[in-house]
Amino acid sequence: MTEREKMLAGRLYDCGDPELLAQWHRAKDLVRDYNAADSADLEAKEAILSQLLGGRGKNVWITPPFYVDYGVNIFLGNNCEINMNCVFLDDNRIVIGDNAWIGGGVLLMPGVTMGDNVVIGAGSVVTKDIPSNTIAYGNPCRAVRENRPEETGRRTMP
């Protein structure tokens, strides 16, 4: 079993493994470029995200700065908005569904999955899966109530 396979299986692994270390450095360089890109240069940002993330849907908006470990283990659905200063510790797969909004300064732990129509409050530490149609916040992040977009003003991005 490779160190990457161990990592993705949630087992102890050697983060100094040459393959993992190369991916880590690649991700750090891409995130640096994304965070330094001109705010209005959407073409450059799209190109960087295409190289960095494992996958993403349409209308994904990530406000810099943001930070990742590997990048390739992050999968975002359609109409996702991620506010500034979010940290993705993606030494395991991180999946975020459609129509998600993640507040500023959120820390996402490895292996977290969020359903569709999820709102995560600013400063939350997400340690467990968050079900669809949920507003959640806190440390650790917990589901607080159902997300009803007509009541919260949560909009989908154009």
N, C-alpha and C. Protein backbone atom coordinates (compact mmCIF):
# COMPACT_ATOMS: atom_id res chain seq x y z
N MET A 1 0.85 -1.17 0.00
CA MET A 1 0.00 0.00 0.00
C MET A 1 0.90 1.25 0.00
N THR A 2 0.64 2.18 -0.92
CA THR A 2 1.45 3.39 -0.99
C THR A 2 1.08 4.33 0.17
N GLU A 3 1.93 5.32 0.39
CA GLU A 3 1.65 6.30 1.45
C GLU A 3 0.38 7.08 1.11
N ARG A 4 0.17 7.38 -0.16
CA ARG A 4 -1.06 8.07 -0.59
C ARG A 4 -2.28 7.22 -0.30
N GLU A 5 -2.21 5.93 -0.61
CA GLU A 5 -3.33 5.03 -0.33
C GLU A 5 -3.61 4.96 1.17
N LYS A 6 -2.54 4.91 1.97
CA LYS A 6 -2.72 4.93 3.43
C LYS A 6 -3.42 6.21 3.87
N MET A 7 -2.96 7.34 3.33
CA MET A 7 -3.54 8.64 3.68
C MET A 7 -5.03 8.66 3.37
N LEU A 8 -5.38 8.25 2.17
CA LEU A 8 -6.79 8.27 1.75
C LEU A 8 -7.64 7.25 2.50
N ALA A 9 -7.01 6.24 3.07
CA ALA A 9 -7.72 5.24 3.86
C ALA A 9 -7.85 5.67 5.32
N GLY A 10 -7.28 6.84 5.66
CA GLY A 10 -7.35 7.31 7.03
C GLY A 10 -6.39 6.64 7.97
N ARG A 11 -5.36 6.01 7.41
CA ARG A 11 -4.34 5.33 8.22
C ARG A 11 -3.14 6.24 8.42
N LEU A 12 -2.28 5.85 9.33
CA LEU A 12 -1.03 6.57 9.50
C LEU A 12 -0.22 6.47 8.21
N TYR A 13 0.39 7.59 7.82
CA TYR A 13 1.16 7.61 6.59
C TYR A 13 2.35 8.55 6.76
N ASP A 14 3.30 8.43 5.87
CA ASP A 14 4.50 9.26 5.89
C ASP A 14 4.28 10.46 4.97
N CYS A 15 4.06 11.64 5.58
CA CYS A 15 3.81 12.83 4.76
C CYS A 15 5.08 13.31 4.04
N GLY A 16 6.22 12.73 4.39
CA GLY A 16 7.47 13.04 3.70
C GLY A 16 7.72 12.16 2.49
N ASP A 17 6.75 11.30 2.17
CA ASP A 17 6.84 10.45 0.99
C ASP A 17 7.03 11.35 -0.25
N PRO A 18 7.96 11.02 -1.13
CA PRO A 18 8.25 11.89 -2.29
C PRO A 18 7.01 12.24 -3.12
N GLU A 19 6.12 11.28 -3.37
CA GLU A 19 4.92 11.56 -4.16
C GLU A 19 4.03 12.57 -3.44
N LEU A 20 3.79 12.35 -2.15
CA LEU A 20 2.94 13.26 -1.39
C LEU A 20 3.58 14.63 -1.23
N LEU A 21 4.86 14.65 -0.98
CA LEU A 21 5.56 15.91 -0.81
C LEU A 21 5.54 16.73 -2.10
N ALA A 22 5.69 16.07 -3.24
CA ALA A 22 5.62 16.77 -4.52
C ALA A 22 4.23 17.37 -4.73
N GLN A 23 3.18 16.62 -4.40
CA GLN A 23 1.81 17.14 -4.53
C GLN A 23 1.58 18.29 -3.57
N TRP A 24 2.10 18.19 -2.36
CA TRP A 24 1.95 19.24 -1.36
C TRP A 24 2.59 20.53 -1.84
N HIS A 25 3.82 20.44 -2.36
CA HIS A 25 4.51 21.62 -2.87
C HIS A 25 3.78 22.21 -4.08
N ARG A 26 3.29 21.35 -4.95
CA ARG A 26 2.54 21.81 -6.12
C ARG A 26 1.31 22.60 -5.68
N ALA A 27 0.58 22.05 -4.70
CA ALA A 27 -0.63 22.72 -4.20
C ALA A 27 -0.28 24.06 -3.56
N LYS A 28 0.79 24.12 -2.80
CA LYS A 28 1.20 25.38 -2.16
C LYS A 28 1.53 26.44 -3.21
N ASP A 29 2.19 26.04 -4.29
CA ASP A 29 2.52 26.99 -5.35
C ASP A 29 1.26 27.47 -6.07
N LEU A 30 0.33 26.57 -6.35
CA LEU A 30 -0.91 26.95 -7.03
C LEU A 30 -1.77 27.86 -6.15
N VAL A 31 -1.85 27.56 -4.87
CA VAL A 31 -2.63 28.40 -3.95
C VAL A 31 -1.99 29.78 -3.83
N ARG A 32 -0.67 29.82 -3.77
CA ARG A 32 0.03 31.12 -3.74
C ARG A 32 -0.34 31.94 -4.97
N ASP A 33 -0.33 31.30 -6.14
CA ASP A 33 -0.67 32.00 -7.38
C ASP A 33 -2.13 32.46 -7.38
N TYR A 34 -3.02 31.62 -6.89
CA TYR A 34 -4.44 31.98 -6.82
C TYR A 34 -4.63 33.18 -5.89
N ASN A 35 -4.04 33.10 -4.72
CA ASN A 35 -4.20 34.16 -3.73
C ASN A 35 -3.59 35.48 -4.20
N ALA A 36 -2.59 35.43 -5.06
CA ALA A 36 -1.92 36.63 -5.56
C ALA A 36 -2.51 37.15 -6.86
N ALA A 37 -3.40 36.38 -7.49
CA ALA A 37 -3.97 36.79 -8.77
C ALA A 37 -4.80 38.07 -8.60
N ASP A 38 -4.81 38.88 -9.65
CA ASP A 38 -5.64 40.08 -9.62
C ASP A 38 -7.08 39.68 -9.37
N SER A 39 -7.76 40.44 -8.56
CA SER A 39 -9.12 40.11 -8.15
C SER A 39 -10.06 39.92 -9.34
N ALA A 40 -9.90 40.72 -10.36
CA ALA A 40 -10.80 40.66 -11.52
C ALA A 40 -10.33 39.68 -12.59
N ASP A 41 -9.19 39.04 -12.41
CA ASP A 41 -8.66 38.13 -13.43
C ASP A 41 -9.28 36.73 -13.26
N LEU A 42 -10.53 36.62 -13.63
CA LEU A 42 -11.27 35.37 -13.46
C LEU A 42 -10.71 34.25 -14.31
N GLU A 43 -10.18 34.58 -15.47
CA GLU A 43 -9.61 33.56 -16.35
C GLU A 43 -8.40 32.88 -15.69
N ALA A 44 -7.53 33.67 -15.09
CA ALA A 44 -6.36 33.10 -14.40
C ALA A 44 -6.80 32.26 -13.21
N LYS A 45 -7.78 32.75 -12.45
CA LYS A 45 -8.25 32.01 -11.29
C LYS A 45 -8.88 30.68 -11.69
N GLU A 46 -9.66 30.69 -12.75
CA GLU A 46 -10.28 29.45 -13.25
C GLU A 46 -9.21 28.44 -13.66
N ALA A 47 -8.18 28.92 -14.34
CA ALA A 47 -7.10 28.02 -14.79
C ALA A 47 -6.38 27.40 -13.59
N ILE A 48 -6.15 28.19 -12.57
CA ILE A 48 -5.47 27.67 -11.37
C ILE A 48 -6.34 26.65 -10.67
N LEU A 49 -7.63 26.96 -10.49
CA LEU A 49 -8.53 26.02 -9.81
C LEU A 49 -8.64 24.71 -10.59
N SER A 50 -8.60 24.78 -11.91
CA SER A 50 -8.66 23.57 -12.73
C SER A 50 -7.47 22.66 -12.47
N GLN A 51 -6.32 23.24 -12.18
CA GLN A 51 -5.12 22.46 -11.88
C GLN A 51 -5.08 21.98 -10.43
N LEU A 52 -5.66 22.79 -9.54
CA LEU A 52 -5.54 22.55 -8.11
C LEU A 52 -6.54 21.55 -7.57
N LEU A 53 -7.81 21.74 -7.88
CA LEU A 53 -8.88 20.95 -7.25
C LEU A 53 -9.08 19.61 -7.94
N GLY A 54 -9.62 18.65 -7.17
CA GLY A 54 -9.96 17.34 -7.73
C GLY A 54 -11.12 17.43 -8.69
N GLY A 55 -12.02 18.37 -8.47
CA GLY A 55 -13.17 18.57 -9.34
C GLY A 55 -14.04 19.70 -8.81
N ARG A 56 -14.77 20.35 -9.73
CA ARG A 56 -15.68 21.40 -9.32
C ARG A 56 -16.76 21.58 -10.36
N GLY A 57 -17.91 22.04 -9.86
CA GLY A 57 -19.03 22.31 -10.74
C GLY A 57 -18.96 23.71 -11.30
N LYS A 58 -20.11 24.21 -11.74
CA LYS A 58 -20.21 25.56 -12.30
C LYS A 58 -20.46 26.57 -11.18
N ASN A 59 -20.06 27.80 -11.46
CA ASN A 59 -20.32 28.91 -10.54
C ASN A 59 -19.70 28.70 -9.17
N VAL A 60 -18.44 28.34 -9.15
CA VAL A 60 -17.70 28.20 -7.90
C VAL A 60 -16.96 29.51 -7.66
N TRP A 61 -17.09 30.07 -6.47
CA TRP A 61 -16.43 31.31 -6.13
C TRP A 61 -15.64 31.10 -4.84
N ILE A 62 -14.34 31.29 -4.91
CA ILE A 62 -13.49 31.17 -3.73
C ILE A 62 -12.79 32.51 -3.54
N THR A 63 -13.10 33.17 -2.43
CA THR A 63 -12.48 34.46 -2.13
C THR A 63 -11.12 34.23 -1.48
N PRO A 64 -10.06 34.76 -2.08
CA PRO A 64 -8.75 34.58 -1.47
C PRO A 64 -8.61 35.43 -0.21
N PRO A 65 -7.71 35.07 0.67
CA PRO A 65 -6.88 33.89 0.54
C PRO A 65 -7.60 32.64 1.02
N PHE A 66 -7.19 31.52 0.47
CA PHE A 66 -7.61 30.23 0.98
C PHE A 66 -6.41 29.30 0.94
N TYR A 67 -6.51 28.21 1.68
CA TYR A 67 -5.36 27.34 1.87
C TYR A 67 -5.78 25.88 1.78
N VAL A 68 -4.89 25.06 1.23
CA VAL A 68 -5.14 23.62 1.11
C VAL A 68 -3.87 22.86 1.45
N ASP A 69 -4.01 21.57 1.70
CA ASP A 69 -2.85 20.70 1.82
C ASP A 69 -2.44 20.17 0.45
N TYR A 70 -3.34 19.46 -0.21
CA TYR A 70 -3.02 18.82 -1.49
C TYR A 70 -3.88 19.34 -2.64
N GLY A 71 -5.08 19.80 -2.36
CA GLY A 71 -5.96 20.34 -3.39
C GLY A 71 -6.71 19.28 -4.17
N VAL A 72 -6.03 18.24 -4.61
CA VAL A 72 -6.65 17.24 -5.48
C VAL A 72 -7.72 16.41 -4.78
N ASN A 73 -7.82 16.52 -3.47
CA ASN A 73 -8.83 15.76 -2.72
C ASN A 73 -10.06 16.59 -2.41
N ILE A 74 -10.18 17.76 -3.05
CA ILE A 74 -11.32 18.66 -2.84
C ILE A 74 -12.23 18.61 -4.06
N PHE A 75 -13.51 18.37 -3.80
CA PHE A 75 -14.52 18.28 -4.85
C PHE A 75 -15.68 19.19 -4.48
N LEU A 76 -15.97 20.18 -5.33
CA LEU A 76 -17.01 21.17 -5.07
C LEU A 76 -18.13 21.04 -6.07
N GLY A 77 -19.36 21.17 -5.61
CA GLY A 77 -20.51 21.11 -6.49
C GLY A 77 -20.76 22.43 -7.19
N ASN A 78 -21.92 22.56 -7.78
CA ASN A 78 -22.33 23.79 -8.46
C ASN A 78 -22.73 24.85 -7.43
N ASN A 79 -22.51 26.12 -7.80
CA ASN A 79 -22.97 27.26 -7.00
C ASN A 79 -22.42 27.25 -5.58
N CYS A 80 -21.13 26.98 -5.46
CA CYS A 80 -20.48 27.02 -4.15
C CYS A 80 -19.77 28.35 -3.97
N GLU A 81 -19.93 28.93 -2.80
CA GLU A 81 -19.21 30.15 -2.46
C GLU A 81 -18.42 29.90 -1.19
N ILE A 82 -17.13 30.17 -1.26
CA ILE A 82 -16.23 29.97 -0.13
C ILE A 82 -15.61 31.31 0.19
N ASN A 83 -15.88 31.80 1.38
CA ASN A 83 -15.40 33.11 1.78
C ASN A 83 -13.92 33.07 2.15
N MET A 84 -13.35 34.23 2.43
CA MET A 84 -11.91 34.34 2.64
C MET A 84 -11.41 33.63 3.90
N ASN A 85 -10.12 33.28 3.84
CA ASN A 85 -9.41 32.65 4.96
C ASN A 85 -9.91 31.27 5.34
N CYS A 86 -10.42 30.53 4.40
CA CYS A 86 -10.83 29.15 4.67
C CYS A 86 -9.63 28.22 4.47
N VAL A 87 -9.60 27.17 5.28
CA VAL A 87 -8.51 26.20 5.25
C VAL A 87 -9.10 24.82 5.01
N PHE A 88 -8.62 24.14 3.97
CA PHE A 88 -9.05 22.79 3.64
C PHE A 88 -7.89 21.85 3.97
N LEU A 89 -8.03 21.08 5.03
CA LEU A 89 -7.03 20.06 5.36
C LEU A 89 -7.43 18.79 4.64
N ASP A 90 -7.04 18.72 3.39
CA ASP A 90 -7.54 17.67 2.50
C ASP A 90 -6.56 16.52 2.35
N ASP A 91 -6.12 15.98 3.47
CA ASP A 91 -5.32 14.75 3.35
C ASP A 91 -6.24 13.54 3.27
N ASN A 92 -7.48 13.83 3.00
CA ASN A 92 -8.49 12.84 2.63
C ASN A 92 -9.51 13.58 1.79
N ARG A 93 -10.38 12.88 1.17
CA ARG A 93 -11.37 13.47 0.26
C ARG A 93 -12.28 14.45 1.01
N ILE A 94 -12.46 15.64 0.46
CA ILE A 94 -13.41 16.66 0.97
C ILE A 94 -14.40 16.93 -0.14
N VAL A 95 -15.69 16.66 0.11
CA VAL A 95 -16.75 16.87 -0.88
C VAL A 95 -17.74 17.89 -0.33
N ILE A 96 -18.06 18.87 -1.16
CA ILE A 96 -19.06 19.88 -0.82
C ILE A 96 -20.09 19.87 -1.94
N GLY A 97 -21.36 19.72 -1.56
CA GLY A 97 -22.45 19.62 -2.54
C GLY A 97 -22.79 20.93 -3.21
N ASP A 98 -23.90 20.92 -3.94
CA ASP A 98 -24.38 22.10 -4.66
C ASP A 98 -24.96 23.14 -3.71
N ASN A 99 -24.88 24.40 -4.14
CA ASN A 99 -25.51 25.52 -3.44
C ASN A 99 -25.03 25.66 -2.00
N ALA A 100 -23.73 25.52 -1.81
CA ALA A 100 -23.14 25.63 -0.48
C ALA A 100 -22.51 27.00 -0.30
N TRP A 101 -22.60 27.51 0.91
CA TRP A 101 -21.93 28.76 1.28
C TRP A 101 -21.13 28.51 2.53
N ILE A 102 -19.83 28.80 2.46
CA ILE A 102 -18.94 28.57 3.59
C ILE A 102 -18.40 29.92 4.03
N GLY A 103 -18.68 30.28 5.28
CA GLY A 103 -18.28 31.58 5.81
C GLY A 103 -16.79 31.72 5.97
N GLY A 104 -16.35 32.93 6.19
CA GLY A 104 -14.94 33.24 6.34
C GLY A 104 -14.29 32.53 7.52
N GLY A 105 -13.04 32.15 7.33
CA GLY A 105 -12.26 31.56 8.40
C GLY A 105 -12.66 30.17 8.82
N VAL A 106 -13.37 29.45 7.96
CA VAL A 106 -13.79 28.09 8.28
C VAL A 106 -12.62 27.12 8.07
N LEU A 107 -12.49 26.16 8.97
CA LEU A 107 -11.49 25.11 8.89
C LEU A 107 -12.20 23.79 8.63
N LEU A 108 -11.88 23.16 7.49
CA LEU A 108 -12.50 21.89 7.12
C LEU A 108 -11.50 20.77 7.34
N MET A 109 -11.86 19.82 8.16
CA MET A 109 -10.98 18.70 8.48
C MET A 109 -11.05 17.64 7.38
N PRO A 110 -10.07 16.74 7.34
CA PRO A 110 -10.03 15.71 6.30
C PRO A 110 -11.26 14.81 6.30
N GLY A 111 -11.69 14.45 5.09
CA GLY A 111 -12.76 13.46 4.94
C GLY A 111 -14.16 13.98 5.14
N VAL A 112 -14.32 15.30 5.30
CA VAL A 112 -15.65 15.86 5.55
C VAL A 112 -16.46 15.90 4.26
N THR A 113 -17.73 15.57 4.37
CA THR A 113 -18.67 15.69 3.26
C THR A 113 -19.80 16.60 3.69
N MET A 114 -20.15 17.53 2.81
CA MET A 114 -21.29 18.41 3.05
C MET A 114 -22.30 18.18 1.95
N GLY A 115 -23.55 18.13 2.32
CA GLY A 115 -24.61 17.92 1.34
C GLY A 115 -24.91 19.18 0.56
N ASP A 116 -26.02 19.16 -0.14
CA ASP A 116 -26.49 20.31 -0.92
C ASP A 116 -27.17 21.31 0.01
N ASN A 117 -27.16 22.59 -0.41
CA ASN A 117 -27.86 23.66 0.30
C ASN A 117 -27.41 23.80 1.75
N VAL A 118 -26.10 23.77 1.94
CA VAL A 118 -25.52 23.88 3.28
C VAL A 118 -24.93 25.28 3.46
N VAL A 119 -25.13 25.85 4.63
CA VAL A 119 -24.51 27.10 5.03
C VAL A 119 -23.67 26.81 6.27
N ILE A 120 -22.39 27.18 6.21
CA ILE A 120 -21.48 27.00 7.34
C ILE A 120 -21.09 28.38 7.86
N GLY A 121 -21.37 28.65 9.12
CA GLY A 121 -21.08 29.94 9.72
C GLY A 121 -19.60 30.23 9.82
N ALA A 122 -19.27 31.51 9.77
CA ALA A 122 -17.88 31.97 9.82
C ALA A 122 -17.18 31.44 11.07
N GLY A 123 -15.91 31.08 10.90
CA GLY A 123 -15.09 30.64 12.00
C GLY A 123 -15.33 29.23 12.49
N SER A 124 -16.17 28.49 11.82
CA SER A 124 -16.50 27.13 12.24
C SER A 124 -15.35 26.17 11.97
N VAL A 125 -15.28 25.11 12.78
CA VAL A 125 -14.33 24.03 12.58
C VAL A 125 -15.16 22.79 12.26
N VAL A 126 -15.14 22.39 10.98
CA VAL A 126 -15.99 21.30 10.51
C VAL A 126 -15.22 19.99 10.65
N THR A 127 -15.66 19.17 11.62
CA THR A 127 -14.97 17.91 11.91
C THR A 127 -15.76 16.69 11.46
N LYS A 128 -17.05 16.87 11.16
CA LYS A 128 -17.92 15.76 10.76
C LYS A 128 -18.78 16.17 9.58
N ASP A 129 -19.36 15.17 8.93
CA ASP A 129 -20.23 15.43 7.79
C ASP A 129 -21.40 16.32 8.19
N ILE A 130 -21.83 17.16 7.23
CA ILE A 130 -22.97 18.05 7.42
C ILE A 130 -24.03 17.65 6.39
N PRO A 131 -25.25 17.29 6.85
CA PRO A 131 -26.27 16.84 5.90
C PRO A 131 -26.82 17.98 5.05
N SER A 132 -27.45 17.62 3.95
CA SER A 132 -28.08 18.60 3.06
C SER A 132 -29.11 19.44 3.81
N ASN A 133 -29.35 20.63 3.27
CA ASN A 133 -30.39 21.54 3.76
C ASN A 133 -30.19 21.92 5.23
N THR A 134 -28.93 22.26 5.57
CA THR A 134 -28.58 22.52 6.96
C THR A 134 -27.82 23.83 7.10
N ILE A 135 -28.10 24.55 8.15
CA ILE A 135 -27.28 25.67 8.59
C ILE A 135 -26.50 25.14 9.79
N ALA A 136 -25.18 25.29 9.74
CA ALA A 136 -24.34 24.75 10.80
C ALA A 136 -23.24 25.75 11.14
N TYR A 137 -22.84 25.74 12.41
CA TYR A 137 -21.73 26.59 12.82
C TYR A 137 -21.21 26.14 14.17
N GLY A 138 -20.03 26.69 14.53
CA GLY A 138 -19.44 26.44 15.83
C GLY A 138 -18.15 25.65 15.76
N ASN A 139 -17.60 25.41 16.95
CA ASN A 139 -16.38 24.63 17.11
C ASN A 139 -16.60 23.63 18.24
N PRO A 140 -16.87 22.38 17.90
CA PRO A 140 -16.96 21.85 16.53
C PRO A 140 -18.27 22.26 15.87
N CYS A 141 -18.25 22.31 14.55
CA CYS A 141 -19.42 22.71 13.77
C CYS A 141 -20.55 21.70 13.96
N ARG A 142 -21.74 22.24 14.22
CA ARG A 142 -22.92 21.38 14.41
C ARG A 142 -24.10 21.94 13.62
N ALA A 143 -24.94 21.05 13.17
CA ALA A 143 -26.17 21.46 12.50
C ALA A 143 -27.04 22.18 13.52
N VAL A 144 -27.50 23.38 13.14
CA VAL A 144 -28.31 24.19 14.05
C VAL A 144 -29.79 24.14 13.65
N ARG A 145 -30.02 24.23 12.34
CA ARG A 145 -31.40 24.14 11.87
C ARG A 145 -31.42 23.88 10.37
N GLU A 146 -32.60 23.65 9.88
CA GLU A 146 -32.79 23.42 8.45
C GLU A 146 -32.53 24.72 7.70
N ASN A 147 -31.92 24.62 6.54
CA ASN A 147 -31.70 25.77 5.67
C ASN A 147 -32.89 25.90 4.74
N ARG A 148 -33.62 26.98 4.94
CA ARG A 148 -34.75 27.30 4.06
C ARG A 148 -34.39 28.60 3.35
N PRO A 149 -33.86 28.50 2.12
CA PRO A 149 -33.35 29.69 1.42
C PRO A 149 -34.34 30.84 1.36
N GLU A 150 -35.61 30.56 1.30
CA GLU A 150 -36.60 31.65 1.24
C GLU A 150 -36.64 32.45 2.53
N GLU A 151 -36.18 31.87 3.64
CA GLU A 151 -36.15 32.59 4.92
C GLU A 151 -34.80 33.22 5.21
N THR A 152 -33.72 32.60 4.78
CA THR A 152 -32.38 33.07 5.15
C THR A 152 -31.83 34.07 4.16
N GLY A 153 -32.44 34.19 3.01
CA GLY A 153 -31.90 35.09 2.00
C GLY A 153 -30.76 34.47 1.21
N ARG A 154 -30.45 33.22 1.50
CA ARG A 154 -29.38 32.52 0.78
C ARG A 154 -29.77 32.44 -0.68
N ARG A 155 -28.90 32.93 -1.49
CA ARG A 155 -29.18 32.92 -2.92
C ARG A 155 -28.22 31.99 -3.63
N THR A 156 -28.64 31.53 -4.76
CA THR A 156 -27.69 30.80 -5.59
C THR A 156 -27.01 31.82 -6.48
N MET A 157 -25.78 31.58 -6.80
CA MET A 157 -25.03 32.53 -7.62
C MET A 157 -25.54 32.49 -9.04
N PRO A 158 -25.50 33.64 -9.75
CA PRO A 158 -26.01 33.67 -11.13
C PRO A 158 -25.22 32.77 -12.05
